[in-house]
Structure formats: C-alpha cells, structure tokens
C-alpha cells in the first residue's frame, strides 16, 4: 500500500505522495509526451488515487510545469552559467543511475499546445538566456539558441530516434567533441 491508501487509521504523507506523483509524471511524460500521458496513468504509476493529483497540483498542466521546473529550473538555479551546457549535456548522457529526462520530456511534448507549450517555451528561453551571457558577441542570442538546438538535437537522435552511431556513442567522446565546439561558439572576444 502507498502512503495515500484509503486504509483507515493509516497516516498520510503529503510530501511522499507529491514526490511519487512527480516521479511518475516525469517518467511517463518522458516516455509518451504530454498529450499521450493520462492523469489516470500517472496516478496508477504513483500508487495513488487520481484525485490526489488534482489536490496537489490542480491540473495535468500544472504537474507538467512542476516536472519541468524540477529538472530544468532547478538545474538553472544550481549551475553556474559557464557550466550549464556541459552539466546539461552530461546529465542527459549519464549512463548510470537516473538520467536527467528533462530534454526527453521537452522533446516528446513538443507538439502540445496550451500551458505545456508555454512552459516549454519559457524554460527554453531561460536556458538560452543564461547561455547568451557566456559570449560578448553581438549575435549572442543566436549563438545561445544554436548551442541549445545542438543539445536538443543530441537528445532527439540519441534518446528518441536511437540512431547510430550517436545512440551508442560513449558519453565522454560526445562531451569531448561537443564541448570543444560549443566553447568556440560561446567564447568571449577578450
């Protein structure tokens, strides 16, 4: 039984329930995208009643925002600008443990409209804004968008399309090649 079962006398744990819903949603949004993920499936995977999703998040869209915020915005807040690209790339490629699925979630949900689209746009703009601060070039925003597009393209080919040789490439080799090129793209002219 979960912390949110309907068993009489069993103590409820709101934090554990909220975390279970976030974890389940993150997994399903990454696998299926926003539109193909149902509230019922999220609740089932979390082991709770679907009404609790609405109690803690209000809507599927708000839960999606929380999932993106947890992965994307927390990484933005915790990572110095000069390490944002490399940290994002590394976490996406992490072969051990739980890889960061924020980019996969973002990409699989890219056809969604409404709140999900707005959230994706905002988080993408926030990442690009931070990356643009790394260069003093007059076209800093374009350079940042190109770097972000490369990151998203790697995620698309590696995680979603599964095309070789990128899908099976060693993460260290990918980082070595991509980070050298990105350094040139986002360098300062000092």
N, C-alpha and C. Protein backbone atom coordinates (compact mmCIF):
# COMPACT_ATOMS: atom_id res chain seq x y z
N UNK A 1 0.82 -1.19 0.00
CA UNK A 1 0.00 0.00 0.00
C UNK A 1 0.86 1.25 0.00
N UNK A 2 0.38 2.29 -0.56
CA UNK A 2 1.11 3.55 -0.61
C UNK A 2 0.77 4.40 0.60
N UNK A 3 1.50 5.48 0.73
CA UNK A 3 1.24 6.41 1.83
C UNK A 3 -0.13 7.06 1.69
N UNK A 4 -0.74 6.99 0.53
CA UNK A 4 -2.03 7.63 0.32
C UNK A 4 -3.15 6.62 0.15
N UNK A 5 -3.01 5.46 0.71
CA UNK A 5 -4.09 4.48 0.59
C UNK A 5 -5.29 4.97 1.38
N UNK A 6 -6.39 4.32 1.16
CA UNK A 6 -7.60 4.70 1.86
C UNK A 6 -7.81 3.87 3.13
N UNK A 7 -6.76 3.17 3.57
CA UNK A 7 -6.84 2.37 4.78
C UNK A 7 -7.15 3.24 5.98
N UNK A 8 -8.17 2.88 6.77
CA UNK A 8 -8.48 3.68 7.96
C UNK A 8 -7.32 3.62 8.95
N UNK A 9 -7.05 4.74 9.59
CA UNK A 9 -6.02 4.78 10.60
C UNK A 9 -4.59 4.90 10.06
N UNK A 10 -4.41 4.80 8.80
CA UNK A 10 -3.06 4.91 8.22
C UNK A 10 -2.73 6.38 7.99
N UNK A 11 -1.57 6.78 8.45
CA UNK A 11 -1.16 8.17 8.32
C UNK A 11 -0.81 8.49 6.87
N UNK A 12 -1.26 9.65 6.42
CA UNK A 12 -0.97 10.09 5.07
C UNK A 12 0.30 10.92 5.07
N UNK A 13 1.05 10.82 4.00
CA UNK A 13 2.31 11.56 3.87
C UNK A 13 2.24 12.39 2.59
N UNK A 14 1.86 13.66 2.75
CA UNK A 14 1.67 14.55 1.60
C UNK A 14 2.95 14.71 0.79
N UNK A 15 4.09 14.85 1.46
CA UNK A 15 5.36 15.04 0.75
C UNK A 15 5.70 13.80 -0.08
N UNK A 16 5.49 12.63 0.48
CA UNK A 16 5.78 11.39 -0.25
C UNK A 16 4.83 11.21 -1.43
N UNK A 17 3.58 11.57 -1.25
CA UNK A 17 2.60 11.48 -2.33
C UNK A 17 2.95 12.43 -3.46
N UNK A 18 3.27 13.66 -3.08
CA UNK A 18 3.66 14.67 -4.08
C UNK A 18 4.89 14.20 -4.86
N UNK A 19 5.88 13.66 -4.16
CA UNK A 19 7.09 13.16 -4.80
C UNK A 19 6.78 11.97 -5.72
N UNK A 20 5.93 11.08 -5.28
CA UNK A 20 5.55 9.92 -6.10
C UNK A 20 4.85 10.37 -7.39
N UNK A 21 3.99 11.37 -7.27
CA UNK A 21 3.31 11.90 -8.45
C UNK A 21 4.30 12.57 -9.40
N UNK A 22 5.23 13.36 -8.87
CA UNK A 22 6.25 13.99 -9.71
C UNK A 22 7.12 12.95 -10.42
N UNK A 23 7.53 11.92 -9.69
CA UNK A 23 8.38 10.88 -10.28
C UNK A 23 7.63 10.11 -11.37
N UNK A 24 6.39 9.76 -11.09
CA UNK A 24 5.59 9.02 -12.07
C UNK A 24 5.34 9.87 -13.31
N UNK A 25 4.99 11.13 -13.10
CA UNK A 25 4.73 12.04 -14.23
C UNK A 25 5.99 12.24 -15.05
N UNK A 26 7.13 12.44 -14.40
CA UNK A 26 8.39 12.63 -15.13
C UNK A 26 8.68 11.43 -16.02
N UNK A 27 8.48 10.24 -15.49
CA UNK A 27 8.73 9.02 -16.27
C UNK A 27 7.77 8.93 -17.47
N UNK A 28 6.50 9.13 -17.23
CA UNK A 28 5.51 8.98 -18.30
C UNK A 28 5.59 10.12 -19.33
N UNK A 29 5.80 11.35 -18.89
CA UNK A 29 5.94 12.45 -19.84
C UNK A 29 7.16 12.22 -20.74
N UNK A 30 8.25 11.71 -20.17
CA UNK A 30 9.45 11.44 -20.97
C UNK A 30 9.20 10.31 -21.97
N UNK A 31 8.47 9.30 -21.57
CA UNK A 31 8.20 8.16 -22.44
C UNK A 31 7.15 8.45 -23.51
N UNK A 32 6.10 9.18 -23.13
CA UNK A 32 4.94 9.33 -24.01
C UNK A 32 4.69 10.75 -24.50
N UNK A 33 5.24 11.73 -23.82
CA UNK A 33 4.91 13.11 -24.12
C UNK A 33 3.71 13.55 -23.31
N UNK A 34 3.43 14.84 -23.35
CA UNK A 34 2.36 15.42 -22.56
C UNK A 34 0.98 14.91 -22.99
N UNK A 35 0.68 14.97 -24.28
CA UNK A 35 -0.65 14.64 -24.77
C UNK A 35 -1.04 13.18 -24.55
N UNK A 36 -0.07 12.27 -24.66
CA UNK A 36 -0.38 10.84 -24.56
C UNK A 36 -0.28 10.31 -23.13
N UNK A 37 0.01 11.16 -22.19
CA UNK A 37 0.07 10.75 -20.79
C UNK A 37 -1.24 11.15 -20.12
N UNK A 38 -1.88 10.20 -19.47
CA UNK A 38 -3.15 10.48 -18.81
C UNK A 38 -2.97 10.65 -17.31
N UNK A 39 -3.87 11.38 -16.70
CA UNK A 39 -3.88 11.56 -15.26
C UNK A 39 -4.03 10.20 -14.59
N UNK A 40 -4.87 9.38 -15.14
CA UNK A 40 -5.10 8.04 -14.59
C UNK A 40 -3.81 7.22 -14.57
N UNK A 41 -3.05 7.28 -15.67
CA UNK A 41 -1.79 6.52 -15.73
C UNK A 41 -0.75 7.04 -14.74
N UNK A 42 -0.69 8.36 -14.58
CA UNK A 42 0.24 8.96 -13.62
C UNK A 42 -0.11 8.49 -12.21
N UNK A 43 -1.38 8.59 -11.86
CA UNK A 43 -1.82 8.18 -10.52
C UNK A 43 -1.57 6.70 -10.29
N UNK A 44 -1.84 5.89 -11.29
CA UNK A 44 -1.63 4.44 -11.16
C UNK A 44 -0.16 4.13 -10.91
N UNK A 45 0.72 4.74 -11.68
CA UNK A 45 2.15 4.50 -11.50
C UNK A 45 2.62 5.00 -10.14
N UNK A 46 2.06 6.11 -9.67
CA UNK A 46 2.42 6.65 -8.36
C UNK A 46 1.80 5.85 -7.21
N UNK A 47 0.82 5.03 -7.52
CA UNK A 47 0.16 4.23 -6.49
C UNK A 47 -0.82 5.02 -5.64
N UNK A 48 -1.43 6.03 -6.26
CA UNK A 48 -2.39 6.87 -5.53
C UNK A 48 -3.66 7.05 -6.34
N UNK A 49 -4.67 7.57 -5.70
CA UNK A 49 -5.91 7.90 -6.37
C UNK A 49 -5.69 9.15 -7.22
N UNK A 50 -6.26 9.19 -8.42
CA UNK A 50 -6.03 10.33 -9.31
C UNK A 50 -6.56 11.64 -8.75
N UNK A 51 -7.49 11.60 -7.84
CA UNK A 51 -7.96 12.84 -7.23
C UNK A 51 -6.84 13.55 -6.47
N UNK A 52 -5.86 12.79 -5.99
CA UNK A 52 -4.74 13.41 -5.27
C UNK A 52 -3.86 14.23 -6.21
N UNK A 53 -3.79 13.86 -7.46
CA UNK A 53 -3.04 14.66 -8.43
C UNK A 53 -3.64 16.06 -8.50
N UNK A 54 -4.95 16.11 -8.56
CA UNK A 54 -5.63 17.41 -8.63
C UNK A 54 -5.51 18.17 -7.30
N UNK A 55 -5.51 17.45 -6.18
CA UNK A 55 -5.36 18.10 -4.88
C UNK A 55 -4.00 18.77 -4.77
N UNK A 56 -2.94 18.08 -5.20
CA UNK A 56 -1.58 18.61 -5.03
C UNK A 56 -1.13 19.53 -6.15
N UNK A 57 -1.66 19.32 -7.36
CA UNK A 57 -1.16 20.10 -8.50
C UNK A 57 -2.24 20.91 -9.21
N UNK A 58 -3.48 20.56 -9.06
CA UNK A 58 -4.56 21.32 -9.68
C UNK A 58 -4.93 20.86 -11.08
N UNK A 59 -3.94 20.45 -11.87
CA UNK A 59 -4.21 20.01 -13.24
C UNK A 59 -3.00 19.24 -13.78
N UNK A 60 -3.21 18.56 -14.87
CA UNK A 60 -2.11 17.88 -15.55
C UNK A 60 -1.07 18.88 -16.03
N UNK A 61 -1.54 20.02 -16.51
CA UNK A 61 -0.63 21.07 -16.99
C UNK A 61 0.26 21.58 -15.87
N UNK A 62 -0.31 21.79 -14.69
CA UNK A 62 0.48 22.27 -13.55
C UNK A 62 1.48 21.20 -13.10
N UNK A 63 1.10 19.95 -13.18
CA UNK A 63 2.02 18.86 -12.86
C UNK A 63 3.16 18.83 -13.87
N UNK A 64 2.85 19.03 -15.15
CA UNK A 64 3.88 19.09 -16.18
C UNK A 64 4.86 20.23 -15.87
N UNK A 65 4.32 21.38 -15.50
CA UNK A 65 5.17 22.52 -15.16
C UNK A 65 6.09 22.16 -13.99
N UNK A 66 5.54 21.47 -12.99
CA UNK A 66 6.35 21.08 -11.83
C UNK A 66 7.46 20.11 -12.22
N UNK A 67 7.15 19.19 -13.14
CA UNK A 67 8.16 18.24 -13.61
C UNK A 67 9.28 18.97 -14.34
N UNK A 68 8.92 19.86 -15.26
CA UNK A 68 9.91 20.63 -16.00
C UNK A 68 10.70 21.52 -15.04
N UNK A 69 10.00 22.15 -14.11
CA UNK A 69 10.67 23.04 -13.15
C UNK A 69 11.68 22.26 -12.31
N UNK A 70 11.28 21.08 -11.88
CA UNK A 70 12.17 20.28 -11.04
C UNK A 70 13.45 19.95 -11.77
N UNK A 71 13.35 19.57 -13.01
CA UNK A 71 14.53 19.19 -13.79
C UNK A 71 15.25 20.40 -14.38
N UNK A 72 14.52 21.25 -15.05
CA UNK A 72 15.13 22.36 -15.77
C UNK A 72 15.46 23.56 -14.93
N UNK A 73 14.48 24.08 -14.24
CA UNK A 73 14.70 25.31 -13.48
C UNK A 73 15.60 25.09 -12.28
N UNK A 74 15.52 23.94 -11.65
CA UNK A 74 16.44 23.66 -10.55
C UNK A 74 17.87 23.57 -11.05
N UNK A 75 18.05 23.00 -12.23
CA UNK A 75 19.39 22.94 -12.81
C UNK A 75 19.89 24.33 -13.14
N UNK A 76 19.02 25.18 -13.66
CA UNK A 76 19.39 26.57 -13.94
C UNK A 76 19.84 27.28 -12.67
N UNK A 77 19.11 27.10 -11.61
CA UNK A 77 19.41 27.78 -10.35
C UNK A 77 20.68 27.25 -9.69
N UNK A 78 20.95 25.98 -9.86
CA UNK A 78 22.06 25.35 -9.15
C UNK A 78 23.37 25.32 -9.94
N UNK A 79 23.33 25.68 -11.21
CA UNK A 79 24.51 25.52 -12.05
C UNK A 79 25.04 26.87 -12.50
N UNK A 80 26.34 27.13 -12.29
CA UNK A 80 26.92 28.38 -12.81
C UNK A 80 26.78 28.42 -14.33
N UNK A 81 26.59 29.62 -14.86
CA UNK A 81 26.36 29.79 -16.30
C UNK A 81 27.43 29.09 -17.14
N UNK A 82 28.69 29.20 -16.74
CA UNK A 82 29.77 28.62 -17.54
C UNK A 82 29.77 27.09 -17.55
N UNK A 83 29.00 26.49 -16.64
CA UNK A 83 28.92 25.03 -16.62
C UNK A 83 27.55 24.50 -17.03
N UNK A 84 26.62 25.39 -17.38
CA UNK A 84 25.26 24.96 -17.68
C UNK A 84 25.19 24.00 -18.86
N UNK A 85 25.85 24.35 -19.96
CA UNK A 85 25.78 23.49 -21.14
C UNK A 85 26.41 22.12 -20.84
N UNK A 86 27.60 22.12 -20.27
CA UNK A 86 28.27 20.84 -20.01
C UNK A 86 27.51 20.00 -18.99
N UNK A 87 26.95 20.65 -17.97
CA UNK A 87 26.17 19.92 -16.98
C UNK A 87 24.90 19.33 -17.60
N UNK A 88 24.24 20.10 -18.45
CA UNK A 88 23.04 19.62 -19.12
C UNK A 88 23.36 18.45 -20.04
N UNK A 89 24.45 18.58 -20.78
CA UNK A 89 24.87 17.50 -21.68
C UNK A 89 25.21 16.25 -20.90
N UNK A 90 26.01 16.41 -19.86
CA UNK A 90 26.42 15.25 -19.04
C UNK A 90 25.21 14.57 -18.41
N UNK A 91 24.30 15.34 -17.85
CA UNK A 91 23.15 14.73 -17.18
C UNK A 91 22.26 14.00 -18.18
N UNK A 92 22.19 14.52 -19.40
CA UNK A 92 21.40 13.87 -20.44
C UNK A 92 22.05 12.55 -20.86
N UNK A 93 23.37 12.50 -20.85
CA UNK A 93 24.10 11.32 -21.32
C UNK A 93 24.42 10.32 -20.21
N UNK A 94 24.15 10.68 -18.97
CA UNK A 94 24.53 9.86 -17.83
C UNK A 94 24.06 8.42 -17.99
N UNK A 95 25.00 7.50 -18.21
CA UNK A 95 24.60 6.11 -18.42
C UNK A 95 24.28 5.39 -17.12
N UNK A 96 24.71 5.93 -15.98
CA UNK A 96 24.48 5.26 -14.70
C UNK A 96 23.35 5.96 -13.95
N UNK A 97 22.65 5.19 -13.19
CA UNK A 97 21.59 5.79 -12.36
C UNK A 97 20.44 6.32 -13.18
N UNK A 98 19.88 7.40 -12.73
CA UNK A 98 18.73 8.01 -13.40
C UNK A 98 19.19 9.18 -14.25
N UNK A 99 19.14 9.06 -15.57
CA UNK A 99 19.50 10.20 -16.39
C UNK A 99 18.46 11.31 -16.24
N UNK A 100 18.91 12.53 -16.49
CA UNK A 100 18.00 13.66 -16.46
C UNK A 100 17.13 13.56 -17.71
N UNK A 101 15.84 13.46 -17.53
CA UNK A 101 14.95 13.25 -18.67
C UNK A 101 14.23 14.52 -19.07
N UNK A 102 14.73 15.67 -18.60
CA UNK A 102 14.07 16.94 -18.90
C UNK A 102 14.02 17.19 -20.40
N UNK A 103 15.13 16.98 -21.10
CA UNK A 103 15.13 17.22 -22.54
C UNK A 103 14.24 16.24 -23.28
N UNK A 104 14.25 15.00 -22.84
CA UNK A 104 13.39 14.00 -23.47
C UNK A 104 11.91 14.37 -23.25
N UNK A 105 11.58 14.80 -22.04
CA UNK A 105 10.22 15.24 -21.75
C UNK A 105 9.85 16.42 -22.63
N UNK A 106 10.75 17.37 -22.70
CA UNK A 106 10.56 18.57 -23.51
C UNK A 106 10.31 18.19 -24.97
N UNK A 107 11.16 17.32 -25.51
CA UNK A 107 11.04 16.94 -26.92
C UNK A 107 9.79 16.12 -27.20
N UNK A 108 9.48 15.17 -26.33
CA UNK A 108 8.30 14.33 -26.56
C UNK A 108 7.00 15.12 -26.43
N UNK A 109 7.06 16.26 -25.77
CA UNK A 109 5.87 17.08 -25.58
C UNK A 109 5.86 18.28 -26.51
N UNK A 110 6.73 18.31 -27.48
CA UNK A 110 6.89 19.50 -28.32
C UNK A 110 5.69 19.79 -29.21
N UNK A 111 4.82 18.85 -29.43
CA UNK A 111 3.65 19.10 -30.26
C UNK A 111 2.45 19.57 -29.47
N UNK A 112 2.58 19.62 -28.16
CA UNK A 112 1.45 20.01 -27.30
C UNK A 112 1.19 21.50 -27.39
N UNK A 113 -0.06 21.85 -27.21
CA UNK A 113 -0.46 23.26 -27.21
C UNK A 113 -0.72 23.71 -25.78
N UNK A 114 -1.15 24.94 -25.64
CA UNK A 114 -1.60 25.47 -24.36
C UNK A 114 -0.50 25.65 -23.36
N UNK A 115 -0.81 25.28 -22.11
CA UNK A 115 0.10 25.50 -21.00
C UNK A 115 1.41 24.75 -21.20
N UNK A 116 1.36 23.53 -21.67
CA UNK A 116 2.59 22.75 -21.88
C UNK A 116 3.52 23.46 -22.85
N UNK A 117 2.97 24.01 -23.92
CA UNK A 117 3.79 24.73 -24.91
C UNK A 117 4.38 25.99 -24.30
N UNK A 118 3.61 26.69 -23.51
CA UNK A 118 4.10 27.90 -22.86
C UNK A 118 5.24 27.58 -21.91
N UNK A 119 5.10 26.53 -21.15
CA UNK A 119 6.14 26.12 -20.21
C UNK A 119 7.42 25.74 -20.96
N UNK A 120 7.28 24.96 -22.00
CA UNK A 120 8.45 24.58 -22.80
C UNK A 120 9.15 25.81 -23.34
N UNK A 121 8.39 26.75 -23.85
CA UNK A 121 8.96 27.98 -24.41
C UNK A 121 9.70 28.77 -23.32
N UNK A 122 9.08 28.93 -22.16
CA UNK A 122 9.69 29.69 -21.07
C UNK A 122 11.00 29.05 -20.61
N UNK A 123 10.99 27.76 -20.39
CA UNK A 123 12.20 27.08 -19.92
C UNK A 123 13.29 27.15 -20.99
N UNK A 124 12.93 26.96 -22.24
CA UNK A 124 13.91 27.08 -23.33
C UNK A 124 14.51 28.46 -23.40
N UNK A 125 13.68 29.49 -23.22
CA UNK A 125 14.17 30.87 -23.23
C UNK A 125 15.10 31.13 -22.04
N UNK A 126 14.75 30.56 -20.89
CA UNK A 126 15.60 30.74 -19.71
C UNK A 126 16.98 30.11 -19.93
N UNK A 127 17.03 28.92 -20.49
CA UNK A 127 18.31 28.27 -20.78
C UNK A 127 19.10 29.10 -21.79
N UNK A 128 18.45 29.51 -22.86
CA UNK A 128 19.13 30.30 -23.89
C UNK A 128 19.63 31.62 -23.31
N UNK A 129 18.84 32.24 -22.44
CA UNK A 129 19.25 33.49 -21.82
C UNK A 129 20.52 33.35 -21.01
N UNK A 130 20.62 32.26 -20.26
CA UNK A 130 21.84 32.01 -19.49
C UNK A 130 23.02 31.74 -20.42
N UNK A 131 22.82 30.92 -21.43
CA UNK A 131 23.91 30.61 -22.37
C UNK A 131 24.38 31.86 -23.10
N UNK A 132 23.47 32.78 -23.41
CA UNK A 132 23.84 34.01 -24.12
C UNK A 132 24.78 34.88 -23.30
N UNK A 133 24.77 34.74 -21.98
CA UNK A 133 25.66 35.54 -21.14
C UNK A 133 27.11 35.09 -21.23
N UNK A 134 27.35 33.96 -21.84
CA UNK A 134 28.71 33.42 -21.92
C UNK A 134 29.56 34.05 -23.01
N UNK A 135 28.94 34.77 -23.93
CA UNK A 135 29.68 35.39 -25.02
C UNK A 135 29.37 36.88 -25.08
N UNK A 136 30.34 37.62 -25.58
CA UNK A 136 30.11 39.05 -25.77
C UNK A 136 29.88 39.38 -27.24
N UNK A 137 29.69 38.35 -28.04
CA UNK A 137 29.44 38.55 -29.47
C UNK A 137 28.11 39.27 -29.68
N UNK A 138 28.01 40.09 -30.72
CA UNK A 138 26.75 40.81 -30.96
C UNK A 138 25.57 39.89 -31.26
N UNK A 139 25.87 38.68 -31.71
CA UNK A 139 24.81 37.72 -32.01
C UNK A 139 24.71 36.65 -30.91
N UNK A 140 24.89 37.07 -29.65
CA UNK A 140 24.90 36.16 -28.51
C UNK A 140 23.63 35.31 -28.41
N UNK A 141 22.49 35.91 -28.67
CA UNK A 141 21.23 35.15 -28.57
C UNK A 141 21.16 34.04 -29.62
N UNK A 142 21.62 34.34 -30.84
CA UNK A 142 21.64 33.32 -31.88
C UNK A 142 22.61 32.20 -31.50
N UNK A 143 23.78 32.56 -31.00
CA UNK A 143 24.76 31.56 -30.58
C UNK A 143 24.19 30.67 -29.48
N UNK A 144 23.51 31.28 -28.53
CA UNK A 144 22.90 30.51 -27.44
C UNK A 144 21.83 29.57 -27.98
N UNK A 145 21.00 30.07 -28.89
CA UNK A 145 19.98 29.21 -29.49
C UNK A 145 20.60 28.04 -30.27
N UNK A 146 21.69 28.30 -30.96
CA UNK A 146 22.38 27.23 -31.70
C UNK A 146 22.92 26.17 -30.73
N UNK A 147 23.51 26.61 -29.63
CA UNK A 147 24.02 25.66 -28.64
C UNK A 147 22.87 24.83 -28.05
N UNK A 148 21.78 25.50 -27.72
CA UNK A 148 20.63 24.80 -27.17
C UNK A 148 20.03 23.83 -28.19
N UNK A 149 19.97 24.26 -29.45
CA UNK A 149 19.46 23.38 -30.51
C UNK A 149 20.34 22.14 -30.66
N UNK A 150 21.64 22.32 -30.53
CA UNK A 150 22.54 21.18 -30.61
C UNK A 150 22.27 20.21 -29.46
N UNK A 151 22.11 20.73 -28.28
CA UNK A 151 21.81 19.90 -27.12
C UNK A 151 20.51 19.13 -27.33
N UNK A 152 19.49 19.82 -27.80
CA UNK A 152 18.20 19.17 -28.04
C UNK A 152 18.30 18.16 -29.19
N UNK A 153 19.08 18.50 -30.20
CA UNK A 153 19.27 17.56 -31.31
C UNK A 153 19.95 16.28 -30.87
N UNK A 154 20.93 16.40 -30.01
CA UNK A 154 21.61 15.21 -29.48
C UNK A 154 20.60 14.35 -28.72
N UNK A 155 19.79 14.99 -27.90
CA UNK A 155 18.76 14.25 -27.16
C UNK A 155 17.79 13.56 -28.11
N UNK A 156 17.38 14.27 -29.15
CA UNK A 156 16.44 13.70 -30.12
C UNK A 156 17.02 12.47 -30.80
N UNK A 157 18.24 12.61 -31.32
CA UNK A 157 18.86 11.50 -32.05
C UNK A 157 19.21 10.34 -31.11
N UNK A 158 19.76 10.65 -29.98
CA UNK A 158 20.25 9.61 -29.07
C UNK A 158 19.12 8.92 -28.32
N UNK A 159 18.24 9.70 -27.73
CA UNK A 159 17.23 9.13 -26.84
C UNK A 159 15.92 8.76 -27.51
N UNK A 160 15.51 9.53 -28.48
CA UNK A 160 14.20 9.29 -29.08
C UNK A 160 14.30 8.50 -30.37
N UNK A 161 15.18 8.93 -31.28
CA UNK A 161 15.32 8.22 -32.55
C UNK A 161 16.18 6.98 -32.43
N UNK A 162 17.16 7.02 -31.54
CA UNK A 162 18.04 5.87 -31.34
C UNK A 162 18.95 5.59 -32.51
N UNK A 163 19.29 6.62 -33.29
CA UNK A 163 20.12 6.42 -34.47
C UNK A 163 21.59 6.27 -34.10
N UNK A 164 22.22 5.30 -34.72
CA UNK A 164 23.66 5.07 -34.51
C UNK A 164 24.45 5.88 -35.52
N UNK A 165 25.63 6.28 -35.22
CA UNK A 165 26.44 5.88 -34.07
C UNK A 165 26.21 6.71 -32.81
N UNK A 166 25.44 7.80 -32.89
CA UNK A 166 25.27 8.66 -31.73
C UNK A 166 24.58 7.95 -30.58
N UNK A 167 23.58 7.15 -30.85
CA UNK A 167 22.83 6.49 -29.78
C UNK A 167 23.72 5.62 -28.91
N UNK A 168 24.71 5.00 -29.50
CA UNK A 168 25.58 4.11 -28.74
C UNK A 168 26.94 4.69 -28.42
N UNK A 169 27.15 5.95 -28.75
CA UNK A 169 28.46 6.56 -28.54
C UNK A 169 28.76 6.75 -27.05
N UNK A 170 30.03 6.67 -26.73
CA UNK A 170 30.50 6.87 -25.37
C UNK A 170 30.23 8.32 -24.95
N UNK A 171 29.60 8.54 -23.80
CA UNK A 171 29.32 9.90 -23.35
C UNK A 171 30.57 10.79 -23.27
N UNK A 172 31.70 10.21 -22.88
CA UNK A 172 32.94 11.00 -22.82
C UNK A 172 33.35 11.49 -24.20
N UNK A 173 33.19 10.65 -25.22
CA UNK A 173 33.53 11.07 -26.58
C UNK A 173 32.59 12.18 -27.07
N UNK A 174 31.32 12.02 -26.77
CA UNK A 174 30.35 13.05 -27.18
C UNK A 174 30.69 14.38 -26.49
N UNK A 175 30.93 14.33 -25.20
CA UNK A 175 31.25 15.57 -24.47
C UNK A 175 32.53 16.20 -25.00
N UNK A 176 33.54 15.41 -25.24
CA UNK A 176 34.82 15.95 -25.73
C UNK A 176 34.61 16.71 -27.03
N UNK A 177 33.88 16.14 -27.95
CA UNK A 177 33.66 16.77 -29.26
C UNK A 177 32.71 17.97 -29.18
N UNK A 178 31.62 17.78 -28.51
CA UNK A 178 30.60 18.84 -28.46
C UNK A 178 31.07 20.03 -27.63
N UNK A 179 31.69 19.78 -26.50
CA UNK A 179 32.10 20.88 -25.64
C UNK A 179 33.21 21.72 -26.27
N UNK A 180 34.08 21.10 -27.05
CA UNK A 180 35.12 21.88 -27.74
C UNK A 180 34.48 22.83 -28.75
N UNK A 181 33.51 22.35 -29.49
CA UNK A 181 32.84 23.19 -30.48
C UNK A 181 31.98 24.26 -29.81
N UNK A 182 31.30 23.91 -28.74
CA UNK A 182 30.45 24.86 -28.04
C UNK A 182 31.28 25.96 -27.39
N UNK A 183 32.46 25.60 -26.91
CA UNK A 183 33.35 26.61 -26.32
C UNK A 183 33.68 27.69 -27.35
N UNK A 184 33.93 27.28 -28.59
CA UNK A 184 34.21 28.24 -29.65
C UNK A 184 32.97 29.08 -29.95
N UNK A 185 31.81 28.47 -29.96
CA UNK A 185 30.57 29.16 -30.24
C UNK A 185 30.24 30.22 -29.19
N UNK A 186 30.51 29.90 -27.93
CA UNK A 186 30.11 30.78 -26.83
C UNK A 186 31.27 31.51 -26.17
N UNK A 187 32.41 31.61 -26.84
CA UNK A 187 33.57 32.26 -26.22
C UNK A 187 33.46 33.78 -26.21
N UNK A 188 34.21 34.37 -25.35
CA UNK A 188 34.31 35.84 -25.27
C UNK A 188 35.47 36.28 -26.14
N UNK A 189 35.44 37.52 -26.60
CA UNK A 189 36.47 38.01 -27.52
C UNK A 189 37.64 38.70 -26.82
N UNK A 190 37.74 38.56 -25.53
CA UNK A 190 38.76 39.24 -24.73
C UNK A 190 40.13 39.12 -25.27
